[in-house]
């Protein structure tokens, strides 16, 4: 029976204790790292809730979205360039094959007859397809398992291409609507005494029909002045009108319905009317008579003409 020396036993126990201590320290280090990451997360969350930093966060988000859209456009452009280059390569190969076929003397027959010629054509097609696959695989970020595009009329269109075409069609339709709205603005119809009689008493209070139609006249004046500037060329405007024109373009970016609208800034710019409490009461009456609608977008109230 072998007897272990007490010193050896003490050293082995010390080494095991040291190993356990090191493992505990590693675990503690990992936990501290998790706690520090949680602290950073909550600190960032608290800062993001501050009113002074909300604008910065929204601006960064918009920049990221615009960058994502730009990268998507670059991807589509790269794919179109690849397809065009592949099509040019195929046309070049076909022209060379046609030139070689015309260069054969009359009565010359390749060994093996027509079957040999057909096999050569198949080899040419295989080489062309292999070259296309290599070019597609050489593009960074392009999926390597995607088959190369064919020059046949029966080729399949990728789903992303179809979706992008649909988005382009929607954008063109919305742009057409906005142009029509810019070229042919409508006007608000005056309120008749019959319309005023259908309005509840708590809504109209002591406001008369003439006062309502005076507001309608000023609103029509603001509409006419706005779209007169909107339909001009920026090069023929003054500096103030040019700034107003670019403001109209910014406001129309979210005008997906292509409707005619004005904002309070237009009313204050083109009319002597004040947008006070009485004005808002008349706006409520016009909404009830279905002369206009209110749409709130990005903190701006738009008065849309029905």
C-alpha atoms as a PDB file:
ATOM      1  CA  UNK A   1       0.000   0.000   0.000  1.00  0.00           C
ATOM      2  CA  UNK A   2       1.444   3.368  -1.131  1.00  0.00           C
ATOM      3  CA  UNK A   3       1.367   6.189   1.434  1.00  0.00           C
ATOM      4  CA  UNK A   4       1.042   9.781   0.140  1.00  0.00           C
ATOM      5  CA  UNK A   5       3.281  12.345   1.702  1.00  0.00           C
ATOM      6  CA  UNK A   6       1.428  15.085   3.628  1.00  0.00           C
ATOM      7  CA  UNK A   7       3.232  17.795   1.651  1.00  0.00           C
ATOM      8  CA  UNK A   8       2.023  16.318  -1.639  1.00  0.00           C
ATOM      9  CA  UNK A   9      -1.529  16.177  -0.334  1.00  0.00           C
ATOM     10  CA  UNK A  10      -1.348  19.805   0.770  1.00  0.00           C
ATOM     11  CA  UNK A  11      -0.035  20.918  -2.642  1.00  0.00           C
ATOM     12  CA  UNK A  12      -2.775  19.014  -4.463  1.00  0.00           C
ATOM     13  CA  UNK A  13      -5.450  20.570  -2.230  1.00  0.00           C
ATOM     14  CA  UNK A  14      -3.957  24.027  -2.811  1.00  0.00           C
ATOM     15  CA  UNK A  15      -3.971  23.524  -6.594  1.00  0.00           C
ATOM     16  CA  UNK A  16      -7.603  22.389  -6.540  1.00  0.00           C
ATOM     17  CA  UNK A  17      -8.554  25.397  -4.413  1.00  0.00           C
ATOM     18  CA  UNK A  18      -6.679  27.671  -6.799  1.00  0.00           C
ATOM     19  CA  UNK A  19      -8.501  26.191  -9.785  1.00  0.00           C
ATOM     20  CA  UNK A  20     -11.871  26.665  -8.083  1.00  0.00           C
ATOM     21  CA  UNK A  21     -10.916  30.241  -7.234  1.00  0.00           C
ATOM     22  CA  UNK A  22      -9.934  30.959 -10.843  1.00  0.00           C
ATOM     23  CA  UNK A  23     -13.188  29.484 -12.140  1.00  0.00           C
ATOM     24  CA  UNK A  24     -15.138  31.592  -9.625  1.00  0.00           C
ATOM     25  CA  UNK A  25     -13.231  34.679 -10.750  1.00  0.00           C
ATOM     26  CA  UNK A  26     -14.048  33.911 -14.407  1.00  0.00           C
ATOM     27  CA  UNK A  27     -17.730  33.526 -13.517  1.00  0.00           C
ATOM     28  CA  UNK A  28     -17.645  36.785 -11.559  1.00  0.00           C
ATOM     29  CA  UNK A  29     -15.954  38.547 -14.464  1.00  0.00           C
ATOM     30  CA  UNK A  30     -18.672  37.336 -16.883  1.00  0.00           C
ATOM     31  CA  UNK A  31     -21.412  38.483 -14.499  1.00  0.00           C
ATOM     32  CA  UNK A  32     -19.781  41.903 -14.098  1.00  0.00           C
ATOM     33  CA  UNK A  33     -19.595  42.253 -17.862  1.00  0.00           C
ATOM     34  CA  UNK A  34     -23.313  41.458 -18.121  1.00  0.00           C
ATOM     35  CA  UNK A  35     -24.093  44.024 -15.413  1.00  0.00           C
ATOM     36  CA  UNK A  36     -22.005  46.701 -17.166  1.00  0.00           C
ATOM     37  CA  UNK A  37     -23.754  45.992 -20.484  1.00  0.00           C
ATOM     38  CA  UNK A  38     -27.145  46.292 -18.759  1.00  0.00           C
ATOM     39  CA  UNK A  39     -26.045  49.603 -17.216  1.00  0.00           C
ATOM     40  CA  UNK A  40     -25.024  50.940 -20.619  1.00  0.00           C
ATOM     41  CA  UNK A  41     -28.343  49.810 -22.104  1.00  0.00           C
ATOM     42  CA  UNK A  42     -30.439  51.519 -19.416  1.00  0.00           C
ATOM     43  CA  UNK A  43     -28.272  54.640 -19.583  1.00  0.00           C
ATOM     44  CA  UNK A  44     -28.799  54.826 -23.343  1.00  0.00           C
ATOM     45  CA  UNK A  45     -32.540  54.216 -22.878  1.00  0.00           C
ATOM     46  CA  UNK A  46     -32.798  57.062 -20.377  1.00  0.00           C
ATOM     47  CA  UNK A  47     -30.896  59.374 -22.676  1.00  0.00           C
ATOM     48  CA  UNK A  48     -33.077  58.389 -25.645  1.00  0.00           C
ATOM     49  CA  UNK A  49     -36.165  59.417 -23.651  1.00  0.00           C
ATOM     50  CA  UNK A  50     -34.883  62.962 -23.147  1.00  0.00           C
ATOM     51  CA  UNK A  51     -36.598  65.569 -25.290  1.00  0.00           C
ATOM     52  CA  UNK A  52     -33.252  67.115 -26.268  1.00  0.00           C
ATOM     53  CA  UNK A  53     -32.008  63.842 -27.764  1.00  0.00           C
ATOM     54  CA  UNK A  54     -35.201  62.586 -29.405  1.00  0.00           C
ATOM     55  CA  UNK A  55     -34.522  64.706 -32.471  1.00  0.00           C
ATOM     56  CA  UNK A  56     -30.971  63.283 -32.734  1.00  0.00           C
ATOM     57  CA  UNK A  57     -32.255  59.691 -32.460  1.00  0.00           C
ATOM     58  CA  UNK A  58     -34.942  60.327 -35.096  1.00  0.00           C
ATOM     59  CA  UNK A  59     -32.384  61.957 -37.383  1.00  0.00           C
ATOM     60  CA  UNK A  60     -30.014  58.981 -37.050  1.00  0.00           C
ATOM     61  CA  UNK A  61     -32.915  56.622 -37.764  1.00  0.00           C
ATOM     62  CA  UNK A  62     -33.874  58.541 -40.908  1.00  0.00           C
ATOM     63  CA  UNK A  63     -30.257  58.528 -42.071  1.00  0.00           C
ATOM     64  CA  UNK A  64     -30.054  54.762 -41.535  1.00  0.00           C
ATOM     65  CA  UNK A  65     -33.293  54.255 -43.501  1.00  0.00           C
ATOM     66  CA  UNK A  66     -32.030  56.437 -46.358  1.00  0.00           C
ATOM     67  CA  UNK A  67     -28.722  54.546 -46.338  1.00  0.00           C
ATOM     68  CA  UNK A  68     -30.616  51.248 -46.492  1.00  0.00           C
ATOM     69  CA  UNK A  69     -32.620  52.494 -49.474  1.00  0.00           C
ATOM     70  CA  UNK A  70     -29.445  53.704 -51.192  1.00  0.00           C
ATOM     71  CA  UNK A  71     -27.767  50.323 -50.707  1.00  0.00           C
ATOM     72  CA  UNK A  72     -30.840  48.625 -52.121  1.00  0.00           C
ATOM     73  CA  UNK A  73     -30.747  50.865 -55.198  1.00  0.00           C
ATOM     74  CA  UNK A  74     -27.038  50.134 -55.627  1.00  0.00           C
ATOM     75  CA  UNK A  75     -27.787  46.400 -55.432  1.00  0.00           C
ATOM     76  CA  UNK A  76     -30.461  46.700 -58.121  1.00  0.00           C
ATOM     77  CA  UNK A  77     -28.121  48.756 -60.308  1.00  0.00           C
ATOM     78  CA  UNK A  78     -25.333  46.219 -59.858  1.00  0.00           C
ATOM     79  CA  UNK A  79     -27.666  43.392 -60.815  1.00  0.00           C
ATOM     80  CA  UNK A  80     -28.826  45.282 -63.921  1.00  0.00           C
ATOM     81  CA  UNK A  81     -25.202  45.932 -64.929  1.00  0.00           C
ATOM     82  CA  UNK A  82     -24.395  42.232 -64.484  1.00  0.00           C
ATOM     83  CA  UNK A  83     -27.357  41.214 -66.635  1.00  0.00           C
ATOM     84  CA  UNK A  84     -26.351  43.730 -69.324  1.00  0.00           C
ATOM     85  CA  UNK A  85     -22.748  42.514 -69.292  1.00  0.00           C
ATOM     86  CA  UNK A  86     -23.841  38.891 -69.509  1.00  0.00           C
ATOM     87  CA  UNK A  87     -26.157  39.698 -72.381  1.00  0.00           C
ATOM     88  CA  UNK A  88     -23.312  41.449 -74.218  1.00  0.00           C
ATOM     89  CA  UNK A  89     -21.089  38.399 -73.646  1.00  0.00           C
ATOM     90  CA  UNK A  90     -23.730  36.056 -75.018  1.00  0.00           C
ATOM     91  CA  UNK A  91     -24.237  38.254 -78.082  1.00  0.00           C
ATOM     92  CA  UNK A  92     -20.480  38.329 -78.673  1.00  0.00           C
ATOM     93  CA  UNK A  93     -20.252  34.535 -78.435  1.00  0.00           C
ATOM     94  CA  UNK A  94     -23.190  34.136 -80.806  1.00  0.00           C
ATOM     95  CA  UNK A  95     -21.648  36.544 -83.317  1.00  0.00           C
ATOM     96  CA  UNK A  96     -18.363  34.637 -83.195  1.00  0.00           C
ATOM     97  CA  UNK A  97     -20.168  31.328 -83.668  1.00  0.00           C
ATOM     98  CA  UNK A  98     -22.110  32.770 -86.606  1.00  0.00           C
ATOM     99  CA  UNK A  99     -18.910  34.114 -88.123  1.00  0.00           C
ATOM    100  CA  UNK A 100     -17.209  30.701 -87.800  1.00  0.00           C
ATOM    101  CA  UNK A 101     -20.202  28.978 -89.332  1.00  0.00           C
ATOM    102  CA  UNK A 102     -20.168  31.339 -92.310  1.00  0.00           C
ATOM    103  CA  UNK A 103     -16.415  30.896 -92.688  1.00  0.00           C
ATOM    104  CA  UNK A 104     -16.744  27.117 -93.351  1.00  0.00           C
ATOM    105  CA  UNK A 105     -16.337  26.314 -97.079  1.00  0.00           C
ATOM    106  CA  UNK A 106     -19.294  24.868 -98.966  1.00  0.00           C
ATOM    107  CA  UNK A 107     -19.485  21.088 -98.889  1.00  0.00           C
ATOM    108  CA  UNK A 108     -17.337  20.878 -95.765  1.00  0.00           C
ATOM    109  CA  UNK A 109     -18.735  18.476 -93.175  1.00  0.00           C
ATOM    110  CA  UNK A 110     -17.362  18.098 -89.706  1.00  0.00           C
ATOM    111  CA  UNK A 111     -16.457  14.572 -88.572  1.00  0.00           C
ATOM    112  CA  UNK A 112     -19.520  12.842 -87.228  1.00  0.00           C
ATOM    113  CA  UNK A 113     -21.970  14.876 -89.355  1.00  0.00           C
ATOM    114  CA  UNK A 114     -24.802  16.883 -87.816  1.00  0.00           C
ATOM    115  CA  UNK A 115     -24.465  15.192 -84.450  1.00  0.00           C
ATOM    116  CA  UNK A 116     -20.931  16.528 -84.061  1.00  0.00           C
ATOM    117  CA  UNK A 117     -22.052  20.073 -84.946  1.00  0.00           C
ATOM    118  CA  UNK A 118     -24.891  19.862 -82.421  1.00  0.00           C
ATOM    119  CA  UNK A 119     -22.504  18.630 -79.718  1.00  0.00           C
ATOM    120  CA  UNK A 120     -20.180  21.559 -80.470  1.00  0.00           C
ATOM    121  CA  UNK A 121     -23.092  23.966 -80.085  1.00  0.00           C
ATOM    122  CA  UNK A 122     -23.970  22.394 -76.728  1.00  0.00           C
ATOM    123  CA  UNK A 123     -20.348  22.788 -75.622  1.00  0.00           C
ATOM    124  CA  UNK A 124     -20.445  26.471 -76.612  1.00  0.00           C
ATOM    125  CA  UNK A 125     -23.651  26.975 -74.603  1.00  0.00           C
ATOM    126  CA  UNK A 126     -22.126  25.245 -71.580  1.00  0.00           C
ATOM    127  CA  UNK A 127     -19.012  27.411 -71.747  1.00  0.00           C
ATOM    128  CA  UNK A 128     -21.128  30.562 -72.000  1.00  0.00           C
ATOM    129  CA  UNK A 129     -23.264  29.528 -69.000  1.00  0.00           C
ATOM    130  CA  UNK A 130     -20.135  28.664 -67.012  1.00  0.00           C
ATOM    131  CA  UNK A 131     -18.638  32.073 -67.781  1.00  0.00           C
ATOM    132  CA  UNK A 132     -21.873  33.743 -66.669  1.00  0.00           C
ATOM    133  CA  UNK A 133     -21.908  31.839 -63.396  1.00  0.00           C
ATOM    134  CA  UNK A 134     -18.301  32.813 -62.701  1.00  0.00           C
ATOM    135  CA  UNK A 135     -19.024  36.483 -63.327  1.00  0.00           C
ATOM    136  CA  UNK A 136     -22.064  36.407 -61.081  1.00  0.00           C
ATOM    137  CA  UNK A 137     -20.125  34.610 -58.326  1.00  0.00           C
ATOM    138  CA  UNK A 138     -17.364  37.222 -58.527  1.00  0.00           C
ATOM    139  CA  UNK A 139     -19.755  39.998 -57.442  1.00  0.00           C
ATOM    140  CA  UNK A 140     -19.545  40.537 -53.646  1.00  0.00           C
ATOM    141  CA  UNK A 141     -22.824  39.947 -51.830  1.00  0.00           C
ATOM    142  CA  UNK A 142     -24.455  38.195 -54.783  1.00  0.00           C
ATOM    143  CA  UNK A 143     -25.801  34.700 -53.945  1.00  0.00           C
ATOM    144  CA  UNK A 144     -23.601  32.051 -55.518  1.00  0.00           C
ATOM    145  CA  UNK A 145     -26.386  29.488 -55.892  1.00  0.00           C
ATOM    146  CA  UNK A 146     -28.504  31.776 -58.070  1.00  0.00           C
ATOM    147  CA  UNK A 147     -28.590  30.587 -61.668  1.00  0.00           C
ATOM    148  CA  UNK A 148     -27.259  32.869 -64.345  1.00  0.00           C
ATOM    149  CA  UNK A 149     -29.817  34.787 -66.336  1.00  0.00           C
ATOM    150  CA  UNK A 150     -30.678  33.325 -69.714  1.00  0.00           C
ATOM    151  CA  UNK A 151     -31.193  35.154 -72.977  1.00  0.00           C
ATOM    152  CA  UNK A 152     -34.361  33.210 -73.786  1.00  0.00           C
ATOM    153  CA  UNK A 153     -37.723  34.970 -73.770  1.00  0.00           C
ATOM    154  CA  UNK A 154     -39.099  32.419 -71.294  1.00  0.00           C
ATOM    155  CA  UNK A 155     -36.695  33.318 -68.467  1.00  0.00           C
ATOM    156  CA  UNK A 156     -38.103  33.791 -64.989  1.00  0.00           C
ATOM    157  CA  UNK A 157     -38.120  37.270 -63.456  1.00  0.00           C
ATOM    158  CA  UNK A 158     -36.865  37.422 -59.828  1.00  0.00           C
ATOM    159  CA  UNK A 159     -39.428  38.310 -57.186  1.00  0.00           C
ATOM    160  CA  UNK A 160     -37.361  41.289 -56.003  1.00  0.00           C
ATOM    161  CA  UNK A 161     -37.361  42.722 -59.527  1.00  0.00           C
ATOM    162  CA  UNK A 162     -41.152  42.368 -59.761  1.00  0.00           C
ATOM    163  CA  UNK A 163     -41.594  44.055 -56.369  1.00  0.00           C
ATOM    164  CA  UNK A 164     -39.290  46.911 -57.354  1.00  0.00           C
ATOM    165  CA  UNK A 165     -41.263  47.412 -60.580  1.00  0.00           C
ATOM    166  CA  UNK A 166     -44.506  47.556 -58.590  1.00  0.00           C
ATOM    167  CA  UNK A 167     -42.994  50.146 -56.242  1.00  0.00           C
ATOM    168  CA  UNK A 168     -41.887  52.205 -59.240  1.00  0.00           C
ATOM    169  CA  UNK A 169     -45.404  52.050 -60.691  1.00  0.00           C
ATOM    170  CA  UNK A 170     -46.907  53.183 -57.379  1.00  0.00           C
ATOM    171  CA  UNK A 171     -44.424  56.049 -57.171  1.00  0.00           C
ATOM    172  CA  UNK A 172     -45.248  57.158 -60.715  1.00  0.00           C
ATOM    173  CA  UNK A 173     -48.991  57.034 -59.981  1.00  0.00           C
ATOM    174  CA  UNK A 174     -48.555  59.080 -56.796  1.00  0.00           C
ATOM    175  CA  UNK A 175     -46.335  61.549 -58.634  1.00  0.00           C
ATOM    176  CA  UNK A 176     -48.998  61.913 -61.343  1.00  0.00           C
ATOM    177  CA  UNK A 177     -51.636  62.582 -58.682  1.00  0.00           C
ATOM    178  CA  UNK A 178     -49.456  65.228 -57.055  1.00  0.00           C
ATOM    179  CA  UNK A 179     -48.833  66.921 -60.410  1.00  0.00           C
ATOM    180  CA  UNK A 180     -52.546  66.977 -61.183  1.00  0.00           C
ATOM    181  CA  UNK A 181     -53.253  68.452 -57.765  1.00  0.00           C
ATOM    182  CA  UNK A 182     -50.567  71.083 -58.339  1.00  0.00           C
ATOM    183  CA  UNK A 183     -51.864  72.069 -61.796  1.00  0.00           C
ATOM    184  CA  UNK A 184     -55.620  72.116 -61.155  1.00  0.00           C
ATOM    185  CA  UNK A 185     -56.403  73.210 -57.567  1.00  0.00           C
ATOM    186  CA  UNK A 186     -60.016  73.140 -56.495  1.00  0.00           C
ATOM    187  CA  UNK A 187     -61.802  75.775 -54.441  1.00  0.00           C
ATOM    188  CA  UNK A 188     -64.022  75.580 -51.379  1.00  0.00           C
ATOM    189  CA  UNK A 189     -67.719  76.053 -52.066  1.00  0.00           C
ATOM    190  CA  UNK A 190     -69.483  78.723 -49.982  1.00  0.00           C
ATOM    191  CA  UNK A 191     -71.830  77.721 -47.189  1.00  0.00           C
ATOM    192  CA  UNK A 192     -75.534  78.283 -47.844  1.00  0.00           C
ATOM    193  CA  UNK A 193     -78.160  79.196 -45.212  1.00  0.00           C
ATOM    194  CA  UNK A 194     -79.615  75.685 -45.652  1.00  0.00           C
ATOM    195  CA  UNK A 195     -76.232  74.188 -44.728  1.00  0.00           C
ATOM    196  CA  UNK A 196     -76.001  76.505 -41.743  1.00  0.00           C
ATOM    197  CA  UNK A 197     -79.457  75.435 -40.580  1.00  0.00           C
ATOM    198  CA  UNK A 198     -78.334  71.799 -40.367  1.00  0.00           C
ATOM    199  CA  UNK A 199     -75.434  72.668 -38.048  1.00  0.00           C
ATOM    200  CA  UNK A 200     -76.062  72.139 -34.301  1.00  0.00           C
ATOM    201  CA  UNK A 201     -76.464  75.289 -32.238  1.00  0.00           C
ATOM    202  CA  UNK A 202     -73.596  74.439 -29.871  1.00  0.00           C
ATOM    203  CA  UNK A 203     -71.263  74.317 -32.884  1.00  0.00           C
ATOM    204  CA  UNK A 204     -72.167  77.536 -34.707  1.00  0.00           C
ATOM    205  CA  UNK A 205     -72.900  79.686 -31.613  1.00  0.00           C
ATOM    206  CA  UNK A 206     -73.382  83.254 -32.960  1.00  0.00           C
ATOM    207  CA  UNK A 207     -71.372  82.840 -36.165  1.00  0.00           C
ATOM    208  CA  UNK A 208     -73.278  83.998 -39.244  1.00  0.00           C
ATOM    209  CA  UNK A 209     -73.208  82.667 -42.771  1.00  0.00           C
ATOM    210  CA  UNK A 210     -71.438  85.791 -44.073  1.00  0.00           C
ATOM    211  CA  UNK A 211     -68.615  85.362 -41.571  1.00  0.00           C
ATOM    212  CA  UNK A 212     -68.146  81.733 -42.614  1.00  0.00           C
ATOM    213  CA  UNK A 213     -68.090  82.641 -46.322  1.00  0.00           C
ATOM    214  CA  UNK A 214     -65.557  85.412 -45.617  1.00  0.00           C
ATOM    215  CA  UNK A 215     -63.239  82.750 -44.176  1.00  0.00           C
ATOM    216  CA  UNK A 216     -63.962  80.533 -47.194  1.00  0.00           C
ATOM    217  CA  UNK A 217     -63.004  83.395 -49.522  1.00  0.00           C
ATOM    218  CA  UNK A 218     -59.700  83.905 -47.721  1.00  0.00           C
ATOM    219  CA  UNK A 219     -58.982  80.168 -47.822  1.00  0.00           C
ATOM    220  CA  UNK A 220     -59.610  80.122 -51.594  1.00  0.00           C
ATOM    221  CA  UNK A 221     -57.274  83.093 -51.959  1.00  0.00           C
ATOM    222  CA  UNK A 222     -54.563  81.198 -50.051  1.00  0.00           C
ATOM    223  CA  UNK A 223     -55.106  78.112 -52.232  1.00  0.00           C
ATOM    224  CA  UNK A 224     -54.810  80.147 -55.451  1.00  0.00           C
ATOM    225  CA  UNK A 225     -51.656  81.938 -54.265  1.00  0.00           C
ATOM    226  CA  UNK A 226     -50.028  78.712 -53.106  1.00  0.00           C
ATOM    227  CA  UNK A 227     -50.526  76.801 -56.347  1.00  0.00           C
ATOM    228  CA  UNK A 228     -49.598  79.828 -58.434  1.00  0.00           C
ATOM    229  CA  UNK A 229     -46.153  79.627 -56.840  1.00  0.00           C
ATOM    230  CA  UNK A 230     -46.154  75.838 -56.990  1.00  0.00           C
ATOM    231  CA  UNK A 231     -46.702  75.814 -60.771  1.00  0.00           C
ATOM    232  CA  UNK A 232     -43.884  78.264 -61.536  1.00  0.00           C
ATOM    233  CA  UNK A 233     -40.294  77.409 -62.366  1.00  0.00           C
ATOM    234  CA  UNK A 234     -37.884  78.058 -59.458  1.00  0.00           C
ATOM    235  CA  UNK A 235     -35.507  79.990 -61.717  1.00  0.00           C
ATOM    236  CA  UNK A 236     -38.121  82.718 -62.316  1.00  0.00           C
ATOM    237  CA  UNK A 237     -38.907  83.321 -58.615  1.00  0.00           C
ATOM    238  CA  UNK A 238     -37.600  85.640 -55.979  1.00  0.00           C
ATOM    239  CA  UNK A 239     -35.679  84.281 -53.001  1.00  0.00           C
ATOM    240  CA  UNK A 240     -38.723  84.319 -50.695  1.00  0.00           C
ATOM    241  CA  UNK A 241     -40.955  82.581 -53.252  1.00  0.00           C
ATOM    242  CA  UNK A 242     -38.217  80.020 -53.922  1.00  0.00           C
ATOM    243  CA  UNK A 243     -38.033  79.151 -50.219  1.00  0.00           C
ATOM    244  CA  UNK A 244     -41.817  78.817 -50.156  1.00  0.00           C
ATOM    245  CA  UNK A 245     -41.664  76.616 -53.260  1.00  0.00           C
ATOM    246  CA  UNK A 246     -39.170  74.229 -51.646  1.00  0.00           C
ATOM    247  CA  UNK A 247     -41.320  74.124 -48.512  1.00  0.00           C
ATOM    248  CA  UNK A 248     -44.224  72.995 -50.684  1.00  0.00           C
ATOM    249  CA  UNK A 249     -42.060  70.229 -52.133  1.00  0.00           C
ATOM    250  CA  UNK A 250     -41.130  69.020 -48.644  1.00  0.00           C
ATOM    251  CA  UNK A 251     -44.776  69.016 -47.581  1.00  0.00           C
ATOM    252  CA  UNK A 252     -45.862  67.089 -50.675  1.00  0.00           C
ATOM    253  CA  UNK A 253     -43.452  64.211 -50.106  1.00  0.00           C
ATOM    254  CA  UNK A 254     -45.910  62.582 -47.707  1.00  0.00           C
ATOM    255  CA  UNK A 255     -48.945  63.613 -49.799  1.00  0.00           C
ATOM    256  CA  UNK A 256     -49.589  60.104 -51.110  1.00  0.00           C
ATOM    257  CA  UNK A 257     -53.239  60.791 -51.966  1.00  0.00           C
ATOM    258  CA  UNK A 258     -52.400  63.690 -54.291  1.00  0.00           C
ATOM    259  CA  UNK A 259     -54.944  65.970 -52.570  1.00  0.00           C
ATOM    260  CA  UNK A 260     -55.083  69.783 -52.527  1.00  0.00           C
ATOM    261  CA  UNK A 261     -54.262  71.244 -49.116  1.00  0.00           C
ATOM    262  CA  UNK A 262     -52.964  74.314 -47.317  1.00  0.00           C
ATOM    263  CA  UNK A 263     -51.449  74.864 -43.882  1.00  0.00           C
ATOM    264  CA  UNK A 264     -51.740  77.690 -41.360  1.00  0.00           C
ATOM    265  CA  UNK A 265     -48.471  79.184 -42.589  1.00  0.00           C
ATOM    266  CA  UNK A 266     -50.050  79.676 -46.032  1.00  0.00           C
ATOM    267  CA  UNK A 267     -53.083  81.358 -44.464  1.00  0.00           C
ATOM    268  CA  UNK A 268     -50.882  83.745 -42.503  1.00  0.00           C
ATOM    269  CA  UNK A 269     -48.706  84.423 -45.562  1.00  0.00           C
ATOM    270  CA  UNK A 270     -51.368  85.137 -48.199  1.00  0.00           C
ATOM    271  CA  UNK A 271     -54.337  86.445 -46.168  1.00  0.00           C
ATOM    272  CA  UNK A 272     -54.853  89.018 -43.389  1.00  0.00           C
ATOM    273  CA  UNK A 273     -56.867  86.454 -41.438  1.00  0.00           C
ATOM    274  CA  UNK A 274     -55.778  85.344 -37.971  1.00  0.00           C
ATOM    275  CA  UNK A 275     -55.825  81.673 -36.967  1.00  0.00           C
ATOM    276  CA  UNK A 276     -57.429  82.318 -33.609  1.00  0.00           C
ATOM    277  CA  UNK A 277     -60.149  80.530 -31.642  1.00  0.00           C
ATOM    278  CA  UNK A 278     -62.925  81.913 -33.839  1.00  0.00           C
ATOM    279  CA  UNK A 279     -61.108  80.693 -36.948  1.00  0.00           C
ATOM    280  CA  UNK A 280     -60.909  77.152 -35.575  1.00  0.00           C
ATOM    281  CA  UNK A 281     -64.646  77.234 -34.760  1.00  0.00           C
ATOM    282  CA  UNK A 282     -65.368  78.094 -38.393  1.00  0.00           C
ATOM    283  CA  UNK A 283     -63.034  75.274 -39.482  1.00  0.00           C
ATOM    284  CA  UNK A 284     -65.114  72.861 -37.397  1.00  0.00           C
ATOM    285  CA  UNK A 285     -68.258  74.147 -39.167  1.00  0.00           C
ATOM    286  CA  UNK A 286     -66.610  73.664 -42.585  1.00  0.00           C
ATOM    287  CA  UNK A 287     -65.627  70.144 -41.600  1.00  0.00           C
ATOM    288  CA  UNK A 288     -69.213  69.441 -40.593  1.00  0.00           C
ATOM    289  CA  UNK A 289     -70.418  70.775 -43.980  1.00  0.00           C
ATOM    290  CA  UNK A 290     -67.813  68.577 -45.724  1.00  0.00           C
ATOM    291  CA  UNK A 291     -66.002  71.498 -47.296  1.00  0.00           C
ATOM    292  CA  UNK A 292     -62.591  70.404 -46.019  1.00  0.00           C
ATOM    293  CA  UNK A 293     -60.789  67.854 -43.825  1.00  0.00           C
ATOM    294  CA  UNK A 294     -57.999  68.084 -41.277  1.00  0.00           C
ATOM    295  CA  UNK A 295     -54.985  65.781 -41.498  1.00  0.00           C
ATOM    296  CA  UNK A 296     -52.262  65.932 -38.867  1.00  0.00           C
ATOM    297  CA  UNK A 297     -48.853  64.833 -40.193  1.00  0.00           C
ATOM    298  CA  UNK A 298     -45.560  65.382 -38.325  1.00  0.00           C
ATOM    299  CA  UNK A 299     -47.050  68.048 -36.069  1.00  0.00           C
ATOM    300  CA  UNK A 300     -48.477  70.044 -39.017  1.00  0.00           C
ATOM    301  CA  UNK A 301     -52.216  70.482 -39.559  1.00  0.00           C
ATOM    302  CA  UNK A 302     -53.198  70.229 -43.222  1.00  0.00           C
ATOM    303  CA  UNK A 303     -56.532  71.587 -44.399  1.00  0.00           C
ATOM    304  CA  UNK A 304     -57.478  69.294 -47.275  1.00  0.00           C
ATOM    305  CA  UNK A 305     -60.128  70.585 -49.674  1.00  0.00           C
ATOM    306  CA  UNK A 306     -62.929  68.094 -50.329  1.00  0.00           C
END
